[in-house]
Amino acid sequence: MKSGDVLHLTRAASVQFLRPIFVRVIRLPDWVTYDGWLWIEGYELGPKGVAIVRRSLFVQMAGLIWQDSPAPAARSTTRRPVRRGPVRVG
């Protein structure tokens, strides 16, 4: 696991994830934990793949699910007409 990875965290990772979340990893702190567990610092991602809040999470390594980043919302391709009129000079 490395910085930038996106994880899908469910109850398999920890009971705290009754509602599953996506997290983009910032770093893995070198804190002492129980065997098979680790701390992750990252950003919880919203439905559009945008960071919502920074979190420190204690999770089981066996329950981690690697994901591709959630796709960003599609941008509108419709163009607005340019308003044209007289131009003031000077």
PDB file of N, CA and C in Angstrom:
ATOM      1  N   MET A   1       0.850  -1.173   0.000  1.00  0.00           N
ATOM      2  CA  MET A   1       0.000   0.000   0.000  1.00  0.00           C
ATOM      3  C   MET A   1       0.896   1.236   0.000  1.00  0.00           C
ATOM      4  N   LYS A   2       0.441   2.270  -0.752  1.00  0.00           N
ATOM      5  CA  LYS A   2       1.239   3.487  -0.850  1.00  0.00           C
ATOM      6  C   LYS A   2       0.327   4.706  -0.867  1.00  0.00           C
ATOM      7  N   SER A   3       0.924   5.852  -0.704  1.00  0.00           N
ATOM      8  CA  SER A   3       0.189   7.110  -0.741  1.00  0.00           C
ATOM      9  C   SER A   3      -0.522   7.242  -2.087  1.00  0.00           C
ATOM     10  N   GLY A   4      -1.791   7.664  -2.053  1.00  0.00           N
ATOM     11  CA  GLY A   4      -2.572   7.814  -3.271  1.00  0.00           C
ATOM     12  C   GLY A   4      -3.497   6.648  -3.555  1.00  0.00           C
ATOM     13  N   ASP A   5      -3.261   5.496  -2.930  1.00  0.00           N
ATOM     14  CA  ASP A   5      -4.154   4.348  -3.125  1.00  0.00           C
ATOM     15  C   ASP A   5      -5.547   4.681  -2.608  1.00  0.00           C
ATOM     16  N   VAL A   6      -6.563   4.127  -3.257  1.00  0.00           N
ATOM     17  CA  VAL A   6      -7.944   4.298  -2.808  1.00  0.00           C
ATOM     18  C   VAL A   6      -8.422   2.964  -2.256  1.00  0.00           C
ATOM     19  N   LEU A   7      -8.932   3.011  -1.021  1.00  0.00           N
ATOM     20  CA  LEU A   7      -9.422   1.808  -0.355  1.00  0.00           C
ATOM     21  C   LEU A   7     -10.926   1.905  -0.127  1.00  0.00           C
ATOM     22  N   HIS A   8     -11.606   0.781  -0.285  1.00  0.00           N
ATOM     23  CA  HIS A   8     -13.019   0.680   0.069  1.00  0.00           C
ATOM     24  C   HIS A   8     -13.051  -0.021   1.422  1.00  0.00           C
ATOM     25  N   LEU A   9     -13.474   0.700   2.451  1.00  0.00           N
ATOM     26  CA  LEU A   9     -13.465   0.146   3.805  1.00  0.00           C
ATOM     27  C   LEU A   9     -14.869  -0.267   4.200  1.00  0.00           C
ATOM     28  N   THR A  10     -15.002  -1.552   4.557  1.00  0.00           N
ATOM     29  CA  THR A  10     -16.285  -2.123   4.977  1.00  0.00           C
ATOM     30  C   THR A  10     -16.111  -2.709   6.375  1.00  0.00           C
ATOM     31  N   ARG A  11     -17.140  -3.386   6.849  1.00  0.00           N
ATOM     32  CA  ARG A  11     -17.059  -4.019   8.178  1.00  0.00           C
ATOM     33  C   ARG A  11     -15.964  -5.068   8.241  1.00  0.00           C
ATOM     34  N   ALA A  12     -15.523  -5.567   7.090  1.00  0.00           N
ATOM     35  CA  ALA A  12     -14.419  -6.545   7.083  1.00  0.00           C
ATOM     36  C   ALA A  12     -13.128  -5.895   7.585  1.00  0.00           C
ATOM     37  N   ALA A  13     -12.993  -4.573   7.388  1.00  0.00           N
ATOM     38  CA  ALA A  13     -11.801  -3.853   7.848  1.00  0.00           C
ATOM     39  C   ALA A  13     -11.923  -3.458   9.312  1.00  0.00           C
ATOM     40  N   SER A  14     -13.140  -3.130   9.759  1.00  0.00           N
ATOM     41  CA  SER A  14     -13.371  -2.748  11.147  1.00  0.00           C
ATOM     42  C   SER A  14     -14.871  -2.581  11.372  1.00  0.00           C
ATOM     43  N   VAL A  15     -15.311  -2.851  12.584  1.00  0.00           N
ATOM     44  CA  VAL A  15     -16.740  -2.718  12.891  1.00  0.00           C
ATOM     45  C   VAL A  15     -17.215  -1.271  12.816  1.00  0.00           C
ATOM     46  N   GLN A  16     -16.282  -0.311  12.818  1.00  0.00           N
ATOM     47  CA  GLN A  16     -16.675   1.095  12.743  1.00  0.00           C
ATOM     48  C   GLN A  16     -17.266   1.465  11.377  1.00  0.00           C
ATOM     49  N   PHE A  17     -17.068   0.616  10.365  1.00  0.00           N
ATOM     50  CA  PHE A  17     -17.549   0.922   9.024  1.00  0.00           C
ATOM     51  C   PHE A  17     -18.873   0.224   8.736  1.00  0.00           C
ATOM     52  N   LEU A  18     -19.849   0.496   9.590  1.00  0.00           N
ATOM     53  CA  LEU A  18     -21.201  -0.021   9.367  1.00  0.00           C
ATOM     54  C   LEU A  18     -21.695   0.503   8.023  1.00  0.00           C
ATOM     55  N   ARG A  19     -21.361   1.766   7.730  1.00  0.00           N
ATOM     56  CA  ARG A  19     -21.624   2.367   6.420  1.00  0.00           C
ATOM     57  C   ARG A  19     -20.264   2.403   5.714  1.00  0.00           C
ATOM     58  N   PRO A  20     -20.082   1.611   4.647  1.00  0.00           N
ATOM     59  CA  PRO A  20     -18.781   1.575   3.969  1.00  0.00           C
ATOM     60  C   PRO A  20     -18.379   2.951   3.424  1.00  0.00           C
ATOM     61  N   ILE A  21     -17.059   3.186   3.373  1.00  0.00           N
ATOM     62  CA  ILE A  21     -16.539   4.458   2.854  1.00  0.00           C
ATOM     63  C   ILE A  21     -15.369   4.191   1.921  1.00  0.00           C
ATOM     64  N   PHE A  22     -15.040   5.185   1.097  1.00  0.00           N
ATOM     65  CA  PHE A  22     -13.831   5.169   0.286  1.00  0.00           C
ATOM     66  C   PHE A  22     -12.844   6.129   0.924  1.00  0.00           C
ATOM     67  N   VAL A  23     -11.569   5.748   0.932  1.00  0.00           N
ATOM     68  CA  VAL A  23     -10.520   6.564   1.539  1.00  0.00           C
ATOM     69  C   VAL A  23      -9.321   6.613   0.597  1.00  0.00           C
ATOM     70  N   ARG A  24      -8.786   7.829   0.377  1.00  0.00           N
ATOM     71  CA  ARG A  24      -7.530   7.977  -0.368  1.00  0.00           C
ATOM     72  C   ARG A  24      -6.414   8.081   0.665  1.00  0.00           C
ATOM     73  N   VAL A  25      -5.449   7.166   0.605  1.00  0.00           N
ATOM     74  CA  VAL A  25      -4.368   7.077   1.586  1.00  0.00           C
ATOM     75  C   VAL A  25      -3.409   8.256   1.443  1.00  0.00           C
ATOM     76  N   ILE A  26      -3.098   8.894   2.570  1.00  0.00           N
ATOM     77  CA  ILE A  26      -2.084   9.940   2.612  1.00  0.00           C
ATOM     78  C   ILE A  26      -0.755   9.322   3.055  1.00  0.00           C
ATOM     79  N   ARG A  27      -0.815   8.616   4.180  1.00  0.00           N
ATOM     80  CA  ARG A  27       0.392   7.977   4.700  1.00  0.00           C
ATOM     81  C   ARG A  27       0.020   6.871   5.669  1.00  0.00           C
ATOM     82  N   LEU A  28       1.003   6.041   5.971  1.00  0.00           N
ATOM     83  CA  LEU A  28       0.850   4.964   6.943  1.00  0.00           C
ATOM     84  C   LEU A  28       1.754   5.294   8.131  1.00  0.00           C
ATOM     85  N   PRO A  29       1.183   5.799   9.221  1.00  0.00           N
ATOM     86  CA  PRO A  29       2.012   6.118  10.393  1.00  0.00           C
ATOM     87  C   PRO A  29       2.701   4.872  10.921  1.00  0.00           C
ATOM     88  N   ASP A  30       3.853   5.043  11.485  1.00  0.00           N
ATOM     89  CA  ASP A  30       4.640   3.933  12.025  1.00  0.00           C
ATOM     90  C   ASP A  30       4.308   3.751  13.506  1.00  0.00           C
ATOM     91  N   TRP A  31       3.034   3.549  13.813  1.00  0.00           N
ATOM     92  CA  TRP A  31       2.595   3.383  15.191  1.00  0.00           C
ATOM     93  C   TRP A  31       2.465   1.901  15.507  1.00  0.00           C
ATOM     94  N   VAL A  32       2.784   1.535  16.740  1.00  0.00           N
ATOM     95  CA  VAL A  32       2.708   0.147  17.174  1.00  0.00           C
ATOM     96  C   VAL A  32       1.234  -0.265  17.268  1.00  0.00           C
ATOM     97  N   THR A  33       0.926  -1.423  16.683  1.00  0.00           N
ATOM     98  CA  THR A  33      -0.463  -1.918  16.683  1.00  0.00           C
ATOM     99  C   THR A  33      -0.464  -3.409  17.000  1.00  0.00           C
ATOM    100  N   TYR A  34      -1.660  -3.963  17.043  1.00  0.00           N
ATOM    101  CA  TYR A  34      -1.809  -5.406  17.194  1.00  0.00           C
ATOM    102  C   TYR A  34      -1.448  -6.074  15.881  1.00  0.00           C
ATOM    103  N   ASP A  35      -1.083  -7.342  15.935  1.00  0.00           N
ATOM    104  CA  ASP A  35      -0.728  -8.091  14.735  1.00  0.00           C
ATOM    105  C   ASP A  35      -1.912  -8.125  13.771  1.00  0.00           C
ATOM    106  N   GLY A  36      -1.684  -7.760  12.507  1.00  0.00           N
ATOM    107  CA  GLY A  36      -2.738  -7.779  11.498  1.00  0.00           C
ATOM    108  C   GLY A  36      -3.525  -6.479  11.398  1.00  0.00           C
ATOM    109  N   TRP A  37      -3.222  -5.496  12.221  1.00  0.00           N
ATOM    110  CA  TRP A  37      -3.907  -4.208  12.212  1.00  0.00           C
ATOM    111  C   TRP A  37      -2.921  -3.110  11.830  1.00  0.00           C
ATOM    112  N   LEU A  38      -3.422  -1.997  11.314  1.00  0.00           N
ATOM    113  CA  LEU A  38      -2.561  -0.864  11.020  1.00  0.00           C
ATOM    114  C   LEU A  38      -3.355   0.431  11.049  1.00  0.00           C
ATOM    115  N   TRP A  39      -2.624   1.518  11.197  1.00  0.00           N
ATOM    116  CA  TRP A  39      -3.205   2.852  11.145  1.00  0.00           C
ATOM    117  C   TRP A  39      -3.039   3.389   9.734  1.00  0.00           C
ATOM    118  N   ILE A  40      -4.070   4.070   9.253  1.00  0.00           N
ATOM    119  CA  ILE A  40      -4.033   4.727   7.948  1.00  0.00           C
ATOM    120  C   ILE A  40      -4.459   6.173   8.150  1.00  0.00           C
ATOM    121  N   GLU A  41      -3.720   7.092   7.565  1.00  0.00           N
ATOM    122  CA  GLU A  41      -4.173   8.476   7.520  1.00  0.00           C
ATOM    123  C   GLU A  41      -4.583   8.736   6.085  1.00  0.00           C
ATOM    124  N   GLY A  42      -5.766   9.314   5.913  1.00  0.00           N
ATOM    125  CA  GLY A  42      -6.245   9.558   4.561  1.00  0.00           C
ATOM    126  C   GLY A  42      -7.441  10.476   4.537  1.00  0.00           C
ATOM    127  N   TYR A  43      -7.944  10.697   3.332  1.00  0.00           N
ATOM    128  CA  TYR A  43      -9.127  11.527   3.134  1.00  0.00           C
ATOM    129  C   TYR A  43     -10.306  10.646   2.777  1.00  0.00           C
ATOM    130  N   GLU A  44     -11.412  10.815   3.503  1.00  0.00           N
ATOM    131  CA  GLU A  44     -12.641  10.139   3.135  1.00  0.00           C
ATOM    132  C   GLU A  44     -13.163  10.811   1.874  1.00  0.00           C
ATOM    133  N   LEU A  45     -13.570   9.992   0.900  1.00  0.00           N
ATOM    134  CA  LEU A  45     -14.021  10.523  -0.381  1.00  0.00           C
ATOM    135  C   LEU A  45     -15.541  10.509  -0.458  1.00  0.00           C
ATOM    136  N   GLY A  46     -16.097  11.563  -1.030  1.00  0.00           N
ATOM    137  CA  GLY A  46     -17.536  11.660  -1.237  1.00  0.00           C
ATOM    138  C   GLY A  46     -17.951  10.928  -2.498  1.00  0.00           C
ATOM    139  N   PRO A  47     -19.241  10.990  -2.840  1.00  0.00           N
ATOM    140  CA  PRO A  47     -19.757  10.273  -4.016  1.00  0.00           C
ATOM    141  C   PRO A  47     -19.110  10.703  -5.332  1.00  0.00           C
ATOM    142  N   LYS A  48     -18.622  11.926  -5.417  1.00  0.00           N
ATOM    143  CA  LYS A  48     -18.002  12.403  -6.651  1.00  0.00           C
ATOM    144  C   LYS A  48     -16.489  12.194  -6.654  1.00  0.00           C
ATOM    145  N   GLY A  49     -15.951  11.511  -5.635  1.00  0.00           N
ATOM    146  CA  GLY A  49     -14.527  11.250  -5.561  1.00  0.00           C
ATOM    147  C   GLY A  49     -13.717  12.402  -5.002  1.00  0.00           C
ATOM    148  N   VAL A  50     -14.399  13.370  -4.392  1.00  0.00           N
ATOM    149  CA  VAL A  50     -13.743  14.544  -3.831  1.00  0.00           C
ATOM    150  C   VAL A  50     -13.527  14.323  -2.335  1.00  0.00           C
ATOM    151  N   ALA A  51     -12.368  14.755  -1.830  1.00  0.00           N
ATOM    152  CA  ALA A  51     -12.061  14.608  -0.408  1.00  0.00           C
ATOM    153  C   ALA A  51     -13.050  15.402   0.438  1.00  0.00           C
ATOM    154  N   ILE A  52     -13.582  14.755   1.476  1.00  0.00           N
ATOM    155  CA  ILE A  52     -14.553  15.390   2.365  1.00  0.00           C
ATOM    156  C   ILE A  52     -13.896  15.776   3.686  1.00  0.00           C
ATOM    157  N   VAL A  53     -13.217  14.804   4.300  1.00  0.00           N
ATOM    158  CA  VAL A  53     -12.639  15.036   5.617  1.00  0.00           C
ATOM    159  C   VAL A  53     -11.396  14.157   5.789  1.00  0.00           C
ATOM    160  N   ARG A  54     -10.402  14.681   6.500  1.00  0.00           N
ATOM    161  CA  ARG A  54      -9.197  13.907   6.795  1.00  0.00           C
ATOM    162  C   ARG A  54      -9.473  13.024   8.003  1.00  0.00           C
ATOM    163  N   ARG A  55      -9.003  11.772   7.933  1.00  0.00           N
ATOM    164  CA  ARG A  55      -9.267  10.835   9.021  1.00  0.00           C
ATOM    165  C   ARG A  55      -8.042   9.985   9.318  1.00  0.00           C
ATOM    166  N   SER A  56      -7.927   9.567  10.575  1.00  0.00           N
ATOM    167  CA  SER A  56      -6.960   8.561  11.004  1.00  0.00           C
ATOM    168  C   SER A  56      -7.779   7.329  11.350  1.00  0.00           C
ATOM    169  N   LEU A  57      -7.464   6.200  10.713  1.00  0.00           N
ATOM    170  CA  LEU A  57      -8.293   5.001  10.836  1.00  0.00           C
ATOM    171  C   LEU A  57      -7.464   3.804  11.281  1.00  0.00           C
ATOM    172  N   PHE A  58      -8.037   3.010  12.174  1.00  0.00           N
ATOM    173  CA  PHE A  58      -7.418   1.791  12.677  1.00  0.00           C
ATOM    174  C   PHE A  58      -8.148   0.626  12.030  1.00  0.00           C
ATOM    175  N   VAL A  59      -7.470  -0.127  11.147  1.00  0.00           N
ATOM    176  CA  VAL A  59      -8.138  -1.145  10.341  1.00  0.00           C
ATOM    177  C   VAL A  59      -7.375  -2.461  10.330  1.00  0.00           C
ATOM    178  N   GLN A  60      -8.089  -3.542   9.984  1.00  0.00           N
ATOM    179  CA  GLN A  60      -7.476  -4.851   9.789  1.00  0.00           C
ATOM    180  C   GLN A  60      -6.957  -4.942   8.365  1.00  0.00           C
ATOM    181  N   MET A  61      -5.719  -5.347   8.195  1.00  0.00           N
ATOM    182  CA  MET A  61      -5.135  -5.457   6.856  1.00  0.00           C
ATOM    183  C   MET A  61      -5.903  -6.446   5.992  1.00  0.00           C
ATOM    184  N   ALA A  62      -6.389  -7.533   6.581  1.00  0.00           N
ATOM    185  CA  ALA A  62      -7.085  -8.568   5.815  1.00  0.00           C
ATOM    186  C   ALA A  62      -8.414  -8.071   5.239  1.00  0.00           C
ATOM    187  N   GLY A  63      -8.988  -6.993   5.793  1.00  0.00           N
ATOM    188  CA  GLY A  63     -10.278  -6.512   5.327  1.00  0.00           C
ATOM    189  C   GLY A  63     -10.204  -5.374   4.326  1.00  0.00           C
ATOM    190  N   LEU A  64      -8.986  -4.981   3.892  1.00  0.00           N
ATOM    191  CA  LEU A  64      -8.849  -3.856   2.970  1.00  0.00           C
ATOM    192  C   LEU A  64      -9.201  -4.277   1.544  1.00  0.00           C
ATOM    193  N   ILE A  65      -9.907  -3.402   0.840  1.00  0.00           N
ATOM    194  CA  ILE A  65     -10.281  -3.645  -0.556  1.00  0.00           C
ATOM    195  C   ILE A  65      -9.742  -2.482  -1.381  1.00  0.00           C
ATOM    196  N   TRP A  66      -8.812  -2.772  -2.305  1.00  0.00           N
ATOM    197  CA  TRP A  66      -8.254  -1.724  -3.166  1.00  0.00           C
ATOM    198  C   TRP A  66      -9.241  -1.436  -4.286  1.00  0.00           C
ATOM    199  N   GLN A  67      -9.413  -0.151  -4.581  1.00  0.00           N
ATOM    200  CA  GLN A  67     -10.351   0.280  -5.617  1.00  0.00           C
ATOM    201  C   GLN A  67      -9.675   1.258  -6.559  1.00  0.00           C
ATOM    202  N   ASP A  68     -10.253   1.387  -7.747  1.00  0.00           N
ATOM    203  CA  ASP A  68      -9.878   2.496  -8.614  1.00  0.00           C
ATOM    204  C   ASP A  68     -10.552   3.720  -8.023  1.00  0.00           C
ATOM    205  N   SER A  69     -10.019   4.890  -8.299  1.00  0.00           N
ATOM    206  CA  SER A  69     -10.621   6.116  -7.798  1.00  0.00           C
ATOM    207  C   SER A  69     -12.040   6.238  -8.327  1.00  0.00           C
ATOM    208  N   PRO A  70     -12.978   6.695  -7.474  1.00  0.00           N
ATOM    209  CA  PRO A  70     -14.321   6.946  -7.993  1.00  0.00           C
ATOM    210  C   PRO A  70     -14.223   7.977  -9.109  1.00  0.00           C
ATOM    211  N   ALA A  71     -14.945   7.738 -10.201  1.00  0.00           N
ATOM    212  CA  ALA A  71     -14.884   8.658 -11.352  1.00  0.00           C
ATOM    213  C   ALA A  71     -15.428  10.024 -10.973  1.00  0.00           C
ATOM    214  N   PRO A  72     -14.710  11.094 -11.350  1.00  0.00           N
ATOM    215  CA  PRO A  72     -15.242  12.431 -11.069  1.00  0.00           C
ATOM    216  C   PRO A  72     -16.496  12.676 -11.892  1.00  0.00           C
ATOM    217  N   ALA A  73     -17.333  13.566 -11.411  1.00  0.00           N
ATOM    218  CA  ALA A  73     -18.572  13.876 -12.112  1.00  0.00           C
ATOM    219  C   ALA A  73     -18.257  14.429 -13.495  1.00  0.00           C
ATOM    220  N   ALA A  74     -19.041  14.010 -14.480  1.00  0.00           N
ATOM    221  CA  ALA A  74     -18.827  14.481 -15.847  1.00  0.00           C
ATOM    222  C   ALA A  74     -19.141  15.967 -15.955  1.00  0.00           C
ATOM    223  N   ARG A  75     -18.303  16.676 -16.680  1.00  0.00           N
ATOM    224  CA  ARG A  75     -18.532  18.095 -16.888  1.00  0.00           C
ATOM    225  C   ARG A  75     -19.520  18.280 -18.030  1.00  0.00           C
ATOM    226  N   SER A  76     -20.282  19.320 -17.935  1.00  0.00           N
ATOM    227  CA  SER A  76     -21.244  19.626 -18.985  1.00  0.00           C
ATOM    228  C   SER A  76     -20.500  20.047 -20.245  1.00  0.00           C
ATOM    229  N   THR A  77     -20.945  19.531 -21.397  1.00  0.00           N
ATOM    230  CA  THR A  77     -20.302  19.882 -22.654  1.00  0.00           C
ATOM    231  C   THR A  77     -21.104  20.916 -23.435  1.00  0.00           C
ATOM    232  N   THR A  78     -22.239  21.340 -22.892  1.00  0.00           N
ATOM    233  CA  THR A  78     -23.017  22.361 -23.594  1.00  0.00           C
ATOM    234  C   THR A  78     -22.337  23.706 -23.423  1.00  0.00           C
ATOM    235  N   ARG A  79     -22.358  24.493 -24.473  1.00  0.00           N
ATOM    236  CA  ARG A  79     -21.698  25.796 -24.449  1.00  0.00           C
ATOM    237  C   ARG A  79     -22.742  26.893 -24.333  1.00  0.00           C
ATOM    238  N   ARG A  80     -22.414  27.891 -23.548  1.00  0.00           N
ATOM    239  CA  ARG A  80     -23.283  29.057 -23.447  1.00  0.00           C
ATOM    240  C   ARG A  80     -22.940  30.023 -24.569  1.00  0.00           C
ATOM    241  N   PRO A  81     -23.937  30.655 -25.167  1.00  0.00           N
ATOM    242  CA  PRO A  81     -23.626  31.638 -26.206  1.00  0.00           C
ATOM    243  C   PRO A  81     -22.935  32.854 -25.589  1.00  0.00           C
ATOM    244  N   VAL A  82     -22.023  33.429 -26.331  1.00  0.00           N
ATOM    245  CA  VAL A  82     -21.298  34.608 -25.879  1.00  0.00           C
ATOM    246  C   VAL A  82     -22.168  35.831 -26.128  1.00  0.00           C
ATOM    247  N   ARG A  83     -22.298  36.659 -25.114  1.00  0.00           N
ATOM    248  CA  ARG A  83     -23.080  37.869 -25.258  1.00  0.00           C
ATOM    249  C   ARG A  83     -22.257  38.906 -26.010  1.00  0.00           C
ATOM    250  N   ARG A  84     -22.768  39.366 -27.110  1.00  0.00           N
ATOM    251  CA  ARG A  84     -22.026  40.336 -27.918  1.00  0.00           C
ATOM    252  C   ARG A  84     -22.811  41.650 -27.950  1.00  0.00           C
ATOM    253  N   GLY A  85     -22.066  42.734 -27.984  1.00  0.00           N
ATOM    254  CA  GLY A  85     -22.695  44.047 -28.031  1.00  0.00           C
ATOM    255  C   GLY A  85     -21.652  45.090 -28.318  1.00  0.00           C
ATOM    256  N   PRO A  86     -22.009  46.349 -28.205  1.00  0.00           N
ATOM    257  CA  PRO A  86     -21.033  47.413 -28.481  1.00  0.00           C
ATOM    258  C   PRO A  86     -19.897  47.377 -27.465  1.00  0.00           C
ATOM    259  N   VAL A  87     -18.719  47.778 -27.901  1.00  0.00           N
ATOM    260  CA  VAL A  87     -17.536  47.778 -27.065  1.00  0.00           C
ATOM    261  C   VAL A  87     -17.148  49.232 -26.779  1.00  0.00           C
ATOM    262  N   ARG A  88     -16.934  49.514 -25.491  1.00  0.00           N
ATOM    263  CA  ARG A  88     -16.496  50.865 -25.118  1.00  0.00           C
ATOM    264  C   ARG A  88     -14.986  50.951 -25.250  1.00  0.00           C
ATOM    265  N   VAL A  89     -14.516  51.988 -25.876  1.00  0.00           N
ATOM    266  CA  VAL A  89     -13.081  52.213 -26.047  1.00  0.00           C
ATOM    267  C   VAL A  89     -12.740  53.540 -25.434  1.00  0.00           C
ATOM    268  N   GLY A  90     -11.690  53.555 -24.615  1.00  0.00           N
ATOM    269  CA  GLY A  90     -11.191  54.816 -24.053  1.00  0.00           C
ATOM    270  C   GLY A  90     -11.776  55.250 -22.812  1.00  0.00           C
TER     271      GLY A  90
END
